[in-house]
Protein backbone atom coordinates (compact mmCIF):
# COMPACT_ATOMS: atom_id res chain seq x y z
CA UNK A 1 -14.09 -40.23 -21.76
CA UNK A 2 -16.10 -37.38 -20.25
CA UNK A 3 -15.18 -33.92 -21.44
CA UNK A 4 -15.04 -31.19 -18.80
CA UNK A 5 -18.05 -28.90 -18.66
CA UNK A 6 -17.54 -25.55 -20.40
CA UNK A 7 -16.46 -22.70 -18.18
CA UNK A 8 -19.04 -20.14 -17.20
CA UNK A 9 -18.25 -16.59 -18.31
CA UNK A 10 -17.53 -14.09 -15.57
CA UNK A 11 -20.43 -11.89 -16.68
CA UNK A 12 -22.84 -14.83 -16.40
CA UNK A 13 -21.42 -15.74 -13.00
CA UNK A 14 -21.91 -12.17 -11.76
CA UNK A 15 -25.46 -12.18 -13.09
CA UNK A 16 -26.24 -15.38 -11.16
CA UNK A 17 -24.66 -13.99 -7.99
CA UNK A 18 -26.53 -10.70 -8.08
CA UNK A 19 -29.86 -12.28 -9.02
CA UNK A 20 -29.60 -14.50 -5.94
CA UNK A 21 -28.70 -11.62 -3.63
CA UNK A 22 -31.66 -10.33 -1.63
CA UNK A 23 -30.55 -7.39 0.54
CA UNK A 24 -30.85 -7.76 4.29
CA UNK A 25 -34.24 -6.44 5.34
CA UNK A 26 -33.47 -5.27 8.88
CA UNK A 27 -32.67 -1.60 9.39
CA UNK A 28 -31.47 0.48 12.30
CA UNK A 29 -30.96 4.12 13.15
CA UNK A 30 -27.39 5.29 13.68
CA UNK A 31 -25.81 8.60 14.49
CA UNK A 32 -24.87 10.49 11.34
CA UNK A 33 -21.43 10.87 12.88
CA UNK A 34 -21.05 7.07 12.76
CA UNK A 35 -22.77 6.47 9.42
CA UNK A 36 -19.79 6.44 7.03
CA UNK A 37 -19.52 3.04 5.37
CA UNK A 38 -23.13 2.10 6.11
CA UNK A 39 -25.82 1.69 3.45
CA UNK A 40 -28.72 4.14 3.51
CA UNK A 41 -32.02 2.26 3.82
CA UNK A 42 -34.24 4.96 2.35
CA UNK A 43 -33.83 8.21 0.42
CA UNK A 44 -32.82 11.25 2.45
CA UNK A 45 -35.02 14.24 1.59
CA UNK A 46 -33.98 17.71 2.68
CA UNK A 47 -36.40 19.64 4.88
CA UNK A 48 -34.51 22.90 4.35
CA UNK A 49 -32.78 25.00 1.72
CA UNK A 50 -29.00 25.06 1.92
CA UNK A 51 -28.00 27.74 2.47
CA UNK A 52 -31.19 28.77 4.20
CA UNK A 53 -30.70 32.46 3.31
CA UNK A 54 -28.60 34.51 0.92
CA UNK A 55 -25.02 34.54 2.20
CA UNK A 56 -21.87 36.54 1.62
CA UNK A 57 -19.09 34.59 -0.09
CA UNK A 58 -16.37 37.05 0.98
CA UNK A 59 -15.28 39.36 3.77
CA UNK A 60 -16.22 42.85 2.59
CA UNK A 61 -19.16 45.21 2.20
CA UNK A 62 -22.81 44.53 1.48
CA UNK A 63 -24.22 47.30 -0.70
CA UNK A 64 -27.34 48.38 -2.57
CA UNK A 65 -26.35 49.19 -6.16
CA UNK A 66 -28.98 51.88 -6.50
CA UNK A 67 -27.32 53.81 -3.66
CA UNK A 68 -24.06 54.33 -5.51
CA UNK A 69 -25.12 57.13 -7.89
CA UNK A 70 -26.48 59.05 -4.88
CA UNK A 71 -23.22 58.75 -2.91
CA UNK A 72 -20.79 61.62 -2.47
CA UNK A 73 -17.90 61.80 -4.92
CA UNK A 74 -14.33 62.46 -3.85
CA UNK A 75 -11.88 64.40 -5.98
CA UNK A 76 -10.71 61.12 -7.51
CA UNK A 77 -14.26 60.15 -8.37
CA UNK A 78 -14.65 57.47 -5.71
CA UNK A 79 -18.08 56.89 -4.20
CA UNK A 80 -18.62 57.03 -0.41
CA UNK A 81 -21.26 55.37 1.73
CA UNK A 82 -21.56 55.35 5.51
CA UNK A 83 -21.40 52.16 7.59
CA UNK A 84 -24.72 51.25 9.22
CA UNK A 85 -24.06 47.77 10.70
CA UNK A 86 -21.57 44.96 11.15
CA UNK A 87 -22.68 41.40 10.30
CA UNK A 88 -20.49 38.47 11.46
CA UNK A 89 -21.40 34.93 10.41
CA UNK A 90 -24.07 33.48 12.67
CA UNK A 91 -25.52 36.87 13.68
CA UNK A 92 -28.84 38.22 12.39
CA UNK A 93 -28.73 40.98 9.81
CA UNK A 94 -30.93 44.09 9.88
CA UNK A 95 -32.38 45.50 6.65
CA UNK A 96 -29.81 47.69 4.91
CA UNK A 97 -30.54 51.37 5.46
CA UNK A 98 -30.64 53.67 2.44
CA UNK A 99 -27.30 55.15 1.36
CA UNK A 100 -25.31 52.93 3.74
CA UNK A 101 -23.17 49.81 3.56
CA UNK A 102 -22.85 46.89 5.97
CA UNK A 103 -19.54 45.40 7.03
CA UNK A 104 -20.06 41.70 6.29
CA UNK A 105 -18.03 38.52 6.72
CA UNK A 106 -17.83 35.24 4.82
CA UNK A 107 -20.89 33.07 5.51
CA UNK A 108 -22.91 35.88 7.07
CA UNK A 109 -26.55 36.51 6.14
CA UNK A 110 -27.01 39.16 3.46
CA UNK A 111 -29.16 42.02 4.77
CA UNK A 112 -32.47 42.69 3.05
CA UNK A 113 -32.00 45.39 0.43
CA UNK A 114 -28.40 44.48 -0.43
CA UNK A 115 -27.80 43.15 -3.93
CA UNK A 116 -24.01 42.84 -4.11
CA UNK A 117 -20.94 42.26 -1.95
CA UNK A 118 -17.65 44.04 -2.57
CA UNK A 119 -14.50 42.33 -1.27
CA UNK A 120 -12.69 44.32 1.38
CA UNK A 121 -9.58 44.63 -0.79
CA UNK A 122 -11.67 46.29 -3.54
CA UNK A 123 -12.91 49.10 -1.29
CA UNK A 124 -11.27 51.79 0.83
CA UNK A 125 -12.52 52.77 4.28
CA UNK A 126 -11.91 56.36 5.41
CA UNK A 127 -13.39 58.93 7.76
CA UNK A 128 -15.82 59.86 4.99
CA UNK A 129 -17.16 56.30 4.82
CA UNK A 130 -16.37 53.52 2.40
CA UNK A 131 -15.27 54.31 -1.15
CA UNK A 132 -15.76 52.03 -4.16
CA UNK A 133 -13.47 52.79 -7.11
CA UNK A 134 -15.38 50.33 -9.29
CA UNK A 135 -19.12 49.72 -9.46
CA UNK A 136 -19.83 46.02 -8.77
CA UNK A 137 -22.23 43.84 -10.70
CA UNK A 138 -25.57 42.67 -9.33
CA UNK A 139 -25.27 39.44 -7.30
CA UNK A 140 -21.51 39.71 -6.98
CA UNK A 141 -20.07 37.46 -4.23
CA UNK A 142 -23.53 36.39 -3.05
CA UNK A 143 -24.41 32.74 -2.47
CA UNK A 144 -28.15 32.45 -2.96
CA UNK A 145 -30.53 30.54 -0.68
CA UNK A 146 -30.94 26.97 -1.94
CA UNK A 147 -27.88 27.28 -4.16
CA UNK A 148 -26.62 23.88 -2.90
CA UNK A 149 -29.81 22.09 -1.82
CA UNK A 150 -33.50 22.84 -2.33
CA UNK A 151 -36.11 21.91 0.24
CA UNK A 152 -37.86 18.67 -0.75
CA UNK A 153 -35.00 17.42 -2.91
CA UNK A 154 -33.53 13.92 -2.55
CA UNK A 155 -29.93 14.53 -1.57
CA UNK A 156 -28.95 10.88 -0.97
CA UNK A 157 -30.83 8.02 -2.66
CA UNK A 158 -31.67 4.81 -0.84
CA UNK A 159 -29.01 2.19 -1.43
CA UNK A 160 -26.18 4.72 -1.18
CA UNK A 161 -23.06 3.54 0.59
CA UNK A 162 -22.29 6.51 2.78
CA UNK A 163 -18.94 8.23 2.38
CA UNK A 164 -17.60 10.72 4.94
CA UNK A 165 -18.65 13.56 2.63
CA UNK A 166 -22.14 12.05 2.31
CA UNK A 167 -22.41 11.99 6.10
CA UNK A 168 -21.45 15.66 6.08
CA UNK A 169 -24.12 16.38 3.47
CA UNK A 170 -26.72 14.66 5.63
CA UNK A 171 -25.61 16.71 8.62
CA UNK A 172 -25.87 19.92 6.57
CA UNK A 173 -29.64 19.45 6.30
CA UNK A 174 -29.98 18.73 10.02
CA UNK A 175 -30.11 14.91 9.94
CA UNK A 176 -28.74 13.81 13.32
CA UNK A 177 -29.51 10.13 12.66
CA UNK A 178 -29.90 8.02 9.53
CA UNK A 179 -31.80 4.82 8.76
CA UNK A 180 -29.32 2.22 7.49
CA UNK A 181 -29.44 -1.49 6.77
CA UNK A 182 -27.94 -3.66 9.47
CA UNK A 183 -24.43 -4.92 8.90
CA UNK A 184 -24.03 -8.07 6.82
CA UNK A 185 -22.97 -11.04 8.93
CA UNK A 186 -20.20 -13.03 7.25
CA UNK A 187 -18.64 -16.21 8.62
CA UNK A 188 -15.34 -17.33 7.12
CA UNK A 189 -13.04 -20.32 7.45
CA UNK A 190 -9.85 -21.49 5.79
CA UNK A 191 -8.65 -24.94 4.79
CA UNK A 192 -5.25 -26.49 4.17
CA UNK A 193 -3.32 -28.78 6.52
CA UNK A 194 -0.13 -27.21 5.20
CA UNK A 195 -1.10 -23.81 6.65
CA UNK A 196 0.45 -22.50 9.86
CA UNK A 197 -0.55 -19.36 11.76
CA UNK A 198 2.08 -16.59 11.82
CA UNK A 199 4.17 -16.74 14.97
CA UNK A 200 4.19 -20.56 15.06
CA UNK A 201 7.19 -22.73 14.06
CA UNK A 202 7.24 -23.57 10.35
CA UNK A 203 7.56 -27.33 9.86
CA UNK A 204 8.91 -28.88 6.63
CA UNK A 205 6.34 -28.56 3.84
CA UNK A 206 4.27 -25.99 5.75
CA UNK A 207 3.56 -22.38 4.79
CA UNK A 208 2.25 -19.44 6.74
CA UNK A 209 -1.37 -18.64 6.10
CA UNK A 210 -2.07 -15.28 4.42
CA UNK A 211 -5.55 -15.54 2.90
CA UNK A 212 -7.16 -15.23 6.32
CA UNK A 213 -5.46 -11.87 6.88
CA UNK A 214 -6.41 -10.59 3.43
CA UNK A 215 -10.02 -11.72 3.37
CA UNK A 216 -11.00 -10.79 6.92
CA UNK A 217 -9.65 -7.28 6.43
CA UNK A 218 -11.43 -6.98 3.08
CA UNK A 219 -14.68 -7.99 4.76
CA UNK A 220 -14.14 -5.42 7.50
CA UNK A 221 -13.34 -2.76 4.90
CA UNK A 222 -16.71 -3.48 3.34
CA UNK A 223 -18.47 -2.94 6.66
CA UNK A 224 -19.28 -6.59 7.39
CA UNK A 225 -19.67 -8.11 10.84
CA UNK A 226 -17.10 -10.93 10.61
CA UNK A 227 -17.18 -14.29 12.41
CA UNK A 228 -13.68 -15.75 11.96
CA UNK A 229 -13.83 -19.54 12.31
CA UNK A 230 -10.12 -19.85 11.55
CA UNK A 231 -8.26 -22.80 10.08
CA UNK A 232 -10.10 -26.13 9.91
CA UNK A 233 -8.69 -29.61 9.20
CA UNK A 234 -8.87 -31.09 5.70
CA UNK A 235 -11.48 -33.60 6.82
CA UNK A 236 -15.00 -33.92 5.37
CA UNK A 237 -16.79 -34.26 8.72
CA UNK A 238 -14.95 -31.26 10.17
CA UNK A 239 -15.79 -29.19 7.10
CA UNK A 240 -19.48 -30.11 7.33
CA UNK A 241 -19.57 -29.27 11.03
CA UNK A 242 -17.96 -25.90 10.34
CA UNK A 243 -20.53 -25.12 7.65
CA UNK A 244 -23.38 -25.90 10.02
CA UNK A 245 -21.89 -23.69 12.71
CA UNK A 246 -21.31 -20.87 10.22
CA UNK A 247 -24.87 -21.04 8.91
CA UNK A 248 -26.41 -20.53 12.38
CA UNK A 249 -26.28 -16.74 12.18
CA UNK A 250 -24.38 -15.75 9.03
CA UNK A 251 -25.95 -14.23 5.94
CA UNK A 252 -22.91 -15.30 3.92
CA UNK A 253 -20.20 -17.93 4.40
CA UNK A 254 -16.83 -17.42 2.71
CA UNK A 255 -14.16 -20.10 2.57
CA UNK A 256 -10.72 -20.25 1.00
CA UNK A 257 -9.09 -23.40 -0.32
CA UNK A 258 -10.38 -26.94 -0.81
CA UNK A 259 -12.34 -26.06 -3.96
CA UNK A 260 -10.51 -28.28 -6.45
CA UNK A 261 -11.18 -31.99 -7.13
CA UNK A 262 -8.31 -33.60 -5.21
CA UNK A 263 -8.72 -36.20 -2.49
CA UNK A 264 -8.01 -33.59 0.19
CA UNK A 265 -10.41 -30.98 -1.22
CA UNK A 266 -13.52 -31.38 0.91
CA UNK A 267 -15.33 -28.06 0.74
CA UNK A 268 -17.23 -28.79 -2.45
CA UNK A 269 -18.74 -32.11 -1.29
CA UNK A 270 -19.38 -30.68 2.17
CA UNK A 271 -21.44 -27.81 0.76
CA UNK A 272 -23.39 -30.23 -1.41
CA UNK A 273 -24.15 -32.36 1.65
CA UNK A 274 -25.23 -29.38 3.77
CA UNK A 275 -27.01 -27.43 1.06
CA UNK A 276 -26.42 -27.00 -2.65
CA UNK A 277 -23.75 -25.74 -5.02
CA UNK A 278 -24.84 -23.60 -7.96
CA UNK A 279 -21.61 -23.01 -9.90
CA UNK A 280 -17.92 -23.45 -9.42
CA UNK A 281 -15.91 -23.11 -12.65
CA UNK A 282 -15.61 -19.54 -13.97
CA UNK A 283 -13.66 -18.38 -17.02
CA UNK A 284 -11.41 -15.94 -15.21
CA UNK A 285 -7.71 -15.90 -14.47
CA UNK A 286 -6.59 -15.96 -11.76
CA UNK A 287 -9.43 -17.65 -9.91
CA UNK A 288 -11.16 -20.35 -11.96
CA UNK A 289 -12.43 -22.48 -9.02
CA UNK A 290 -15.18 -20.27 -7.61
CA UNK A 291 -18.06 -21.94 -5.81
CA UNK A 292 -21.44 -20.40 -5.13
CA UNK A 293 -24.29 -22.02 -3.30
CA UNK A 294 -26.10 -22.10 0.01
CA UNK A 295 -25.92 -23.91 3.33
CA UNK A 296 -29.05 -24.86 5.27
CA UNK A 297 -29.43 -23.40 8.73
CA UNK A 298 -29.48 -26.02 11.52
CA UNK A 299 -32.89 -24.82 12.73
CA UNK A 300 -34.38 -25.40 9.27
CA UNK A 301 -35.26 -21.73 8.77
CA UNK A 302 -33.70 -20.63 5.53
CA UNK A 303 -30.08 -20.83 4.47
CA UNK A 304 -26.88 -18.82 4.25
CA UNK A 305 -25.23 -17.95 0.96
CA UNK A 306 -21.90 -19.67 0.36
CA UNK A 307 -18.85 -18.54 -1.62
CA UNK A 308 -15.79 -20.76 -1.96
CA UNK A 309 -12.59 -19.08 -3.07
CA UNK A 310 -9.43 -20.69 -4.45
CA UNK A 311 -6.47 -21.21 -2.15
CA UNK A 312 -3.73 -19.39 -4.05
CA UNK A 313 -3.36 -15.95 -2.45
CA UNK A 314 -3.70 -13.80 -5.58
CA UNK A 315 -6.45 -16.03 -7.00
CA UNK A 316 -8.36 -15.66 -3.75
CA UNK A 317 -7.85 -11.88 -3.66
CA UNK A 318 -8.79 -11.21 -7.28
CA UNK A 319 -11.81 -13.50 -7.16
CA UNK A 320 -13.02 -11.74 -4.03
CA UNK A 321 -12.57 -8.26 -5.53
CA UNK A 322 -14.20 -9.06 -8.86
CA UNK A 323 -16.96 -11.50 -7.87
CA UNK A 324 -17.55 -11.49 -4.10
CA UNK A 325 -17.39 -7.74 -3.49
CA UNK A 326 -20.40 -7.03 -5.78
CA UNK A 327 -22.35 -9.82 -4.07
CA UNK A 328 -21.61 -8.41 -0.61
CA UNK A 329 -22.54 -4.88 -1.65
CA UNK A 330 -25.83 -6.07 -3.13
CA UNK A 331 -26.62 -8.10 0.02
CA UNK A 332 -26.00 -4.90 1.98
CA UNK A 333 -28.55 -3.11 -0.20
CA UNK A 334 -26.16 -1.10 -2.39
CA UNK A 335 -27.86 -0.22 -5.66
CA UNK A 336 -24.82 0.32 -7.90
CA UNK A 337 -22.16 -2.35 -7.36
CA UNK A 338 -20.13 -1.67 -10.51
CA UNK A 339 -16.53 -0.76 -9.58
CA UNK A 340 -15.03 2.46 -10.87
CA UNK A 341 -12.72 1.85 -13.84
CA UNK A 342 -10.39 3.94 -15.98
CA UNK A 343 -9.36 3.71 -19.62
CA UNK A 344 -5.56 3.99 -19.73
CA UNK A 345 -2.69 3.39 -22.10
CA UNK A 346 -0.78 0.12 -21.93
CA UNK A 347 2.99 0.57 -21.71
CA UNK A 348 3.48 -3.16 -22.10
CA UNK A 349 2.88 -6.03 -24.51
CA UNK A 350 0.73 -9.04 -23.67
CA UNK A 351 1.03 -11.14 -26.83
CA UNK A 352 -0.22 -14.53 -25.55
CA UNK A 353 -3.69 -14.05 -24.04
CA UNK A 354 -5.49 -16.80 -22.19
CA UNK A 355 -8.82 -18.28 -23.24
CA UNK A 356 -10.13 -16.96 -19.94
CA UNK A 357 -10.70 -13.33 -19.02
CA UNK A 358 -7.54 -12.17 -17.26
CA UNK A 359 -6.92 -9.65 -14.53
CA UNK A 360 -3.31 -8.50 -14.74
CA UNK A 361 -1.60 -6.74 -11.88
CA UNK A 362 -0.24 -3.39 -13.08
CA UNK A 363 1.18 -0.11 -11.84
CA UNK A 364 0.92 3.45 -13.14
CA UNK A 365 4.30 4.65 -14.42
CA UNK A 366 5.77 8.16 -14.45
CA UNK A 367 4.24 8.86 -17.88
CA UNK A 368 0.75 7.97 -16.72
CA UNK A 369 0.59 4.60 -18.49
CA UNK A 370 0.38 1.07 -17.15
CA UNK A 371 3.21 -1.42 -16.67
CA UNK A 372 2.79 -5.02 -15.58
CA UNK A 373 4.30 -6.66 -12.54
CA UNK A 374 6.88 -9.09 -13.98
CA UNK A 375 5.48 -12.22 -12.30
CA UNK A 376 1.74 -12.71 -12.82
CA UNK A 377 1.66 -16.04 -10.94
CA UNK A 378 -1.41 -16.74 -8.77
CA UNK A 379 0.70 -17.24 -5.62
CA UNK A 380 2.80 -14.04 -5.90
CA UNK A 381 1.12 -11.85 -3.30
CA UNK A 382 3.87 -9.23 -3.65
CA UNK A 383 2.34 -8.32 -7.00
CA UNK A 384 -0.89 -7.23 -5.34
CA UNK A 385 0.98 -5.02 -2.87
CA UNK A 386 3.31 -3.31 -5.34
CA UNK A 387 0.72 -2.85 -8.10
CA UNK A 388 -1.90 -0.08 -8.31
CA UNK A 389 -4.69 -2.22 -9.70
CA UNK A 390 -5.86 -4.71 -12.31
CA UNK A 391 -5.94 -4.58 -16.09
CA UNK A 392 -9.14 -6.23 -17.31
CA UNK A 393 -8.02 -8.25 -20.36
CA UNK A 394 -10.87 -9.88 -22.34
CA UNK A 395 -10.55 -13.59 -23.14
CA UNK A 396 -8.32 -14.27 -26.13
CA UNK A 397 -7.37 -10.61 -26.61
CA UNK A 398 -3.72 -9.66 -27.00
CA UNK A 399 -2.52 -6.26 -25.78
CA UNK A 400 0.15 -4.20 -27.54
CA UNK A 401 2.01 -1.19 -26.22
CA UNK A 402 -0.09 1.90 -26.83
CA UNK A 403 -3.46 0.11 -26.68
CA UNK A 404 -6.17 1.56 -24.49
CA UNK A 405 -7.19 -0.86 -21.73
CA UNK A 406 -9.69 -0.98 -18.87
CA UNK A 407 -8.00 -0.49 -15.51
CA UNK A 408 -9.53 -1.20 -12.10
CA UNK A 409 -7.64 0.72 -9.39
CA UNK A 410 -7.27 -1.11 -6.11
CA UNK A 411 -8.53 1.93 -4.24
CA UNK A 412 -11.89 1.41 -5.99
CA UNK A 413 -12.03 -2.28 -5.09
CA UNK A 414 -10.81 -2.55 -1.52
CA UNK A 415 -13.66 -0.62 0.12
């Protein structure tokens, strides 16, 4: 009797995936306004200081501290200086004349000679000039040139996945366009003769498909160019034909279902016939049947990567988030593909751990701890909607209330 092969650890599986992932080489220039979500192809170096000049941080008065002892004194001891200019933001400033102040506004250039700004509410304007009950400190309310960015500094490294704020940072140094890697092309198809598209009559024994709606939207969230090949019959020849079609232009092929060893599970043998399969049993729960390989292109020039996901909705989702997302990011050229995680307190008990590494759906409660969704079954998609993320439970490790656990928020995994 043949014993089943040992399961591959998730860490080893991720290592294999990322080692095989060569980022797409093609780049293109896009408007910085449209760059959010794209991957920067090369470092962005600033050609200017930001701010370019010393700026006022408040509406008020630009002053020269050495002028204050020479100013007239009122009966109350206040110091008066005359107003020599008005400096709105965006207008050039003239050098500050001796024994005068400049009316200045937030973001305006500081005039040469000024060494402090006094907020308007801390000064009093009268017919005698402007009085200052308190002597300010040097540099007060001044934002110095280069305080944010220095000329020649790398403000965004190559391999950065651009956020909206990163696009704004690029714009702040005058970058109207950015060099980014082209979008990853992903073809996907779904198997299961029991599946029916939403909106169609539901025959006995049939179920509505959901994985297609989850996975295609996940791929779009990650900035992929998606070729949806839809549902295909549970037939070997049809599966092979679909793989060949998918490999024509895709960098990556993703399928869902048909990855087990039953008579109607044809994806695994189809991939082997059209290319090769590198691994397919991973020690994670949910999601053990994960296939990784490649499919030859019909023209004989190279191959497309292949990922086969399990058919159960939560297994498919979790496997995608934990294993496929890092692969996609690396293929896009992202340098750091490690998801953000938090260390949080468990407000639950998990006394019977699995021999596989588990990802438990959990929510953050009112006290800031984690509680589990009651049904952790691999087909309970409701759990992935109601929950806030996944508790990463090491293989064979029980969890008791009060333990500190690693938590992966969904908002760090879905994009």
